[in-house]
Amino acid sequence: MRVRTERLTLAGLSVLARIPEAPKALLLALHGLQGSKEHILALLPGYAERGFLLLAFDAPRHGEREGPPPSSKSPRYVEEVYRVALGFKGEARRVAEEAERRFGLPLFLAGGSLGAFVAHLLLAEGFRPRGVLAFIGSGFPMKLPQGQVVEDPGVLALYQAPPATRGEAYGGVPLLHLHGSRDLIVPLARMEKTLEALRPHYPEGRLARFVEEGAGHTLTPLMARVGLAFLEHWLEAR
């Protein structure tokens, strides 16, 4: 299948799109901290060739936007990271809604690392894509390192009520978590905690996990292939 790459403007933002000849569905891909729209799309080979119209844009302070990304040397690093996440969440919802109106196709969501946390934020506020891939991320914020200052009310709220604790709002949207067994950035235990929190709110078969033995904090080709199969299943199921 022929695929073309274009730049679109959606919700006032520059969006990179990989467009197949006969798209069957949309996939909005959300990159992680220090990432970019180009990087996340490069990690999803074969998706466009299988009929998914891929969309990605740069998070606040990332890529072509005014930066730089948050630095771990800052005493407010955690606060800055989650301010980016909250801004990314609002923009992602607007981009997704405009894309659905423009293309008239079912919408799926994928997020890597911080992008996966943003996907959880969207689900927790009632956003309803057809399915979600959460690569190397979780529905809980990072542990606060010693000496970090958090005063922003929006960021404090993420710690008081993390998205994964609001599973009743997810509406049973099919969700697959994909993780590495040796992830030192987002420990596997935090992903497992996410699934444990969500499981009481999910029907059988709609909440799943895939753990790649030996993988670290990397969206691997195997994870990408497993994620594609999950999306195709739920696209056919609808």
Protein backbone atom coordinates (compact mmCIF):
# COMPACT_ATOMS: atom_id res chain seq x y z
CA MET A 1 0.00 0.00 0.00
CA ARG A 2 1.35 3.42 -0.96
CA VAL A 3 1.81 5.84 1.93
CA ARG A 4 2.47 9.57 1.68
CA THR A 5 3.78 11.89 4.38
CA GLU A 6 2.14 15.29 4.82
CA ARG A 7 2.04 18.18 7.26
CA LEU A 8 -1.43 19.17 8.35
CA THR A 9 -2.79 21.83 10.63
CA LEU A 10 -5.24 20.49 13.19
CA ALA A 11 -6.52 22.51 16.15
CA GLY A 12 -3.99 25.18 15.22
CA LEU A 13 -1.02 22.80 15.59
CA SER A 14 1.45 21.42 13.06
CA VAL A 15 0.71 17.70 12.71
CA LEU A 16 2.82 15.15 10.86
CA ALA A 17 0.67 12.60 9.04
CA ARG A 18 1.42 9.30 7.31
CA ILE A 19 -1.53 8.70 5.03
CA PRO A 20 -2.26 5.38 3.30
CA GLU A 21 -4.19 5.23 0.03
CA ALA A 22 -7.33 3.81 1.64
CA PRO A 23 -7.20 4.55 5.39
CA LYS A 24 -9.39 2.46 7.69
CA ALA A 25 -8.76 4.28 10.95
CA LEU A 26 -6.84 7.11 12.61
CA LEU A 27 -4.04 6.59 15.11
CA LEU A 28 -2.92 9.62 17.11
CA ALA A 29 0.55 8.87 18.51
CA LEU A 30 1.83 10.80 21.54
CA HIS A 31 5.59 10.88 22.09
CA GLY A 32 7.51 10.80 25.35
CA LEU A 33 9.72 13.24 27.21
CA GLN A 34 12.59 14.50 25.03
CA GLY A 35 10.83 12.97 22.00
CA SER A 36 9.18 14.39 18.90
CA LYS A 37 6.47 13.69 16.36
CA GLU A 38 9.03 12.29 13.92
CA HIS A 39 10.50 9.95 16.51
CA ILE A 40 7.23 8.38 17.64
CA LEU A 41 6.09 7.74 14.06
CA ALA A 42 9.43 6.11 13.24
CA LEU A 43 8.78 3.61 16.06
CA LEU A 44 5.51 2.42 14.48
CA PRO A 45 6.58 0.79 11.19
CA GLY A 46 3.91 -0.99 9.20
CA TYR A 47 0.93 0.74 10.78
CA ALA A 48 0.22 3.03 7.84
CA GLU A 49 0.77 0.16 5.41
CA ARG A 50 -1.99 -1.74 7.25
CA GLY A 51 -4.45 1.12 6.81
CA PHE A 52 -3.89 3.33 9.87
CA LEU A 53 -3.61 7.05 9.15
CA LEU A 54 -0.92 8.11 11.62
CA LEU A 55 -0.94 11.54 13.24
CA ALA A 56 1.62 13.04 15.62
CA PHE A 57 2.51 16.50 16.89
CA ASP A 58 5.16 17.92 19.18
CA ALA A 59 4.31 18.29 22.86
CA PRO A 60 4.79 21.70 24.49
CA ARG A 61 8.51 22.55 24.81
CA HIS A 62 9.46 19.77 22.39
CA GLY A 63 10.51 19.35 18.76
CA GLU A 64 9.86 22.44 16.66
CA ARG A 65 8.09 24.25 19.46
CA GLU A 66 9.66 26.74 21.82
CA GLY A 67 11.64 24.80 24.42
CA PRO A 68 13.73 23.40 25.84
CA PRO A 69 12.19 20.25 27.35
CA PRO A 70 12.27 19.97 31.16
CA SER A 71 15.73 19.28 32.59
CA SER A 72 16.29 16.77 35.38
CA LYS A 73 18.73 19.30 36.89
CA SER A 74 15.88 21.67 37.70
CA PRO A 75 14.50 21.63 41.28
CA ARG A 76 11.08 21.85 39.65
CA TYR A 77 11.70 19.09 37.10
CA VAL A 78 8.71 16.98 38.14
CA GLU A 79 6.38 19.98 38.12
CA GLU A 80 7.65 21.00 34.68
CA VAL A 81 7.24 17.47 33.28
CA TYR A 82 3.61 17.24 34.35
CA ARG A 83 2.81 20.76 33.20
CA VAL A 84 3.95 19.54 29.79
CA ALA A 85 1.75 16.46 30.20
CA LEU A 86 -1.32 18.52 31.08
CA GLY A 87 -0.78 20.83 28.12
CA PHE A 88 -0.18 17.86 25.83
CA LYS A 89 -3.43 16.28 27.03
CA GLY A 90 -5.57 19.28 26.16
CA GLU A 91 -3.95 19.68 22.76
CA ALA A 92 -4.25 15.95 21.99
CA ARG A 93 -7.97 15.99 22.66
CA ARG A 94 -8.51 18.96 20.36
CA VAL A 95 -6.35 17.45 17.60
CA ALA A 96 -8.16 14.10 17.91
CA GLU A 97 -11.60 15.65 17.76
CA GLU A 98 -10.76 17.77 14.71
CA ALA A 99 -9.17 14.77 12.98
CA GLU A 100 -12.30 12.70 13.54
CA ARG A 101 -14.43 15.46 12.03
CA ARG A 102 -12.12 15.94 9.05
CA PHE A 103 -11.55 12.29 8.13
CA GLY A 104 -14.70 10.58 9.44
CA LEU A 105 -12.72 7.54 10.57
CA PRO A 106 -12.59 5.64 13.89
CA LEU A 107 -9.84 6.99 16.15
CA PHE A 108 -7.28 5.01 18.15
CA LEU A 109 -4.64 6.38 20.50
CA ALA A 110 -1.05 5.36 21.23
CA GLY A 111 1.38 6.87 23.70
CA GLY A 112 4.98 6.19 24.61
CA SER A 113 6.32 6.82 28.13
CA LEU A 114 5.01 10.31 29.06
CA GLY A 115 2.67 9.99 26.07
CA ALA A 116 1.20 6.86 27.67
CA PHE A 117 0.53 8.83 30.86
CA VAL A 118 -1.19 11.48 28.74
CA ALA A 119 -3.35 8.75 27.20
CA HIS A 120 -4.40 7.78 30.72
CA LEU A 121 -5.22 11.41 31.50
CA LEU A 122 -7.50 11.50 28.45
CA LEU A 123 -9.27 8.27 29.41
CA ALA A 124 -9.73 9.50 32.97
CA GLU A 125 -11.58 12.58 31.74
CA GLY A 126 -13.95 10.48 29.62
CA PHE A 127 -12.27 10.59 26.21
CA ARG A 128 -13.43 7.60 24.13
CA PRO A 129 -11.07 6.38 21.39
CA ARG A 130 -11.74 2.93 19.93
CA GLY A 131 -8.65 1.54 21.65
CA VAL A 132 -5.39 2.60 23.30
CA LEU A 133 -1.78 1.39 23.22
CA ALA A 134 0.27 2.42 26.26
CA PHE A 135 3.94 1.77 25.54
CA ILE A 136 6.50 1.82 28.40
CA GLY A 137 4.30 3.99 30.62
CA SER A 138 1.76 3.89 33.41
CA GLY A 139 -1.30 5.60 34.82
CA PHE A 140 0.56 6.81 37.91
CA PRO A 141 3.01 9.74 38.06
CA MET A 142 6.67 9.21 38.89
CA LYS A 143 7.82 9.05 42.49
CA LEU A 144 8.87 12.46 43.72
CA PRO A 145 12.69 12.59 43.96
CA GLN A 146 14.12 14.11 47.12
CA GLY A 147 14.31 17.89 46.96
CA GLN A 148 11.74 18.36 44.21
CA VAL A 149 9.28 21.22 44.63
CA VAL A 150 5.69 20.84 43.45
CA GLU A 151 3.30 23.72 44.01
CA ASP A 152 1.23 23.81 40.82
CA PRO A 153 -2.37 22.84 41.76
CA GLY A 154 -2.89 20.88 38.54
CA VAL A 155 0.26 18.83 39.11
CA LEU A 156 -0.56 18.26 42.78
CA ALA A 157 -3.95 16.93 41.69
CA LEU A 158 -2.22 14.25 39.60
CA TYR A 159 -0.56 12.94 42.74
CA GLN A 160 -3.71 13.18 44.85
CA ALA A 161 -5.88 11.39 42.26
CA PRO A 162 -3.76 9.70 39.56
CA PRO A 163 -5.67 8.82 36.39
CA ALA A 164 -5.41 5.07 37.01
CA THR A 165 -7.42 5.50 40.24
CA ARG A 166 -10.33 6.84 38.19
CA GLY A 167 -10.99 3.68 36.23
CA GLU A 168 -14.75 4.15 36.28
CA ALA A 169 -14.25 7.04 33.84
CA TYR A 170 -12.39 4.90 31.27
CA GLY A 171 -15.61 3.38 29.96
CA GLY A 172 -13.99 0.03 29.24
CA VAL A 173 -12.03 1.43 26.27
CA PRO A 174 -9.76 -1.43 25.08
CA LEU A 175 -6.31 -0.81 26.53
CA LEU A 176 -3.04 -2.68 26.02
CA HIS A 177 0.03 -1.92 28.11
CA LEU A 178 3.35 -2.92 26.54
CA HIS A 179 6.45 -2.88 28.72
CA GLY A 180 10.01 -4.10 29.12
CA SER A 181 10.90 -6.36 32.03
CA ARG A 182 14.06 -4.30 32.71
CA ASP A 183 12.62 -0.81 32.41
CA LEU A 184 14.44 1.38 34.93
CA ILE A 185 12.66 4.63 34.00
CA VAL A 186 9.07 3.43 34.43
CA PRO A 187 9.46 0.28 36.53
CA LEU A 188 7.39 -2.72 35.52
CA ALA A 189 5.79 -2.67 38.97
CA ARG A 190 4.25 0.75 38.23
CA MET A 191 2.64 -0.63 35.07
CA GLU A 192 1.34 -3.66 36.99
CA LYS A 193 -0.06 -1.30 39.65
CA THR A 194 -1.90 0.53 36.88
CA LEU A 195 -3.58 -2.65 35.63
CA GLU A 196 -4.44 -3.71 39.17
CA ALA A 197 -6.18 -0.38 39.77
CA LEU A 198 -8.11 -0.54 36.50
CA ARG A 199 -9.12 -4.21 36.46
CA PRO A 200 -12.26 -3.86 38.65
CA HIS A 201 -13.65 -1.37 36.12
CA TYR A 202 -12.97 -3.40 32.98
CA PRO A 203 -14.98 -6.12 31.23
CA GLU A 204 -13.15 -9.36 30.48
CA GLY A 205 -10.82 -9.13 27.48
CA ARG A 206 -10.55 -5.35 27.18
CA LEU A 207 -7.56 -4.75 29.47
CA ALA A 208 -4.32 -6.50 28.51
CA ARG A 209 -0.58 -6.47 29.04
CA PHE A 210 2.49 -7.54 27.08
CA VAL A 211 5.91 -7.72 28.74
CA GLU A 212 9.02 -8.19 26.64
CA GLU A 213 11.70 -10.02 28.60
CA GLY A 214 15.02 -8.20 28.73
CA ALA A 215 13.74 -4.96 27.22
CA GLY A 216 14.37 -1.65 28.93
CA HIS A 217 12.71 1.74 28.49
CA THR A 218 12.40 1.35 24.73
CA LEU A 219 9.48 0.94 22.36
CA THR A 220 10.82 -2.12 20.57
CA PRO A 221 9.87 -3.55 17.15
CA LEU A 222 8.21 -6.49 18.91
CA MET A 223 6.09 -4.19 21.05
CA ALA A 224 5.09 -2.30 17.91
CA ARG A 225 4.01 -5.50 16.16
CA VAL A 226 1.99 -6.69 19.16
CA GLY A 227 0.35 -3.26 19.40
CA LEU A 228 -0.61 -3.31 15.74
CA ALA A 229 -2.29 -6.71 16.12
CA PHE A 230 -4.27 -5.37 19.10
CA LEU A 231 -5.52 -2.37 17.12
CA GLU A 232 -6.48 -4.51 14.15
CA HIS A 233 -8.44 -6.83 16.41
CA TRP A 234 -10.48 -4.00 17.89
CA LEU A 235 -10.97 -2.31 14.54
CA GLU A 236 -12.47 -5.54 13.17
CA ALA A 237 -14.50 -6.08 16.36
CA ARG A 238 -16.30 -2.79 15.78
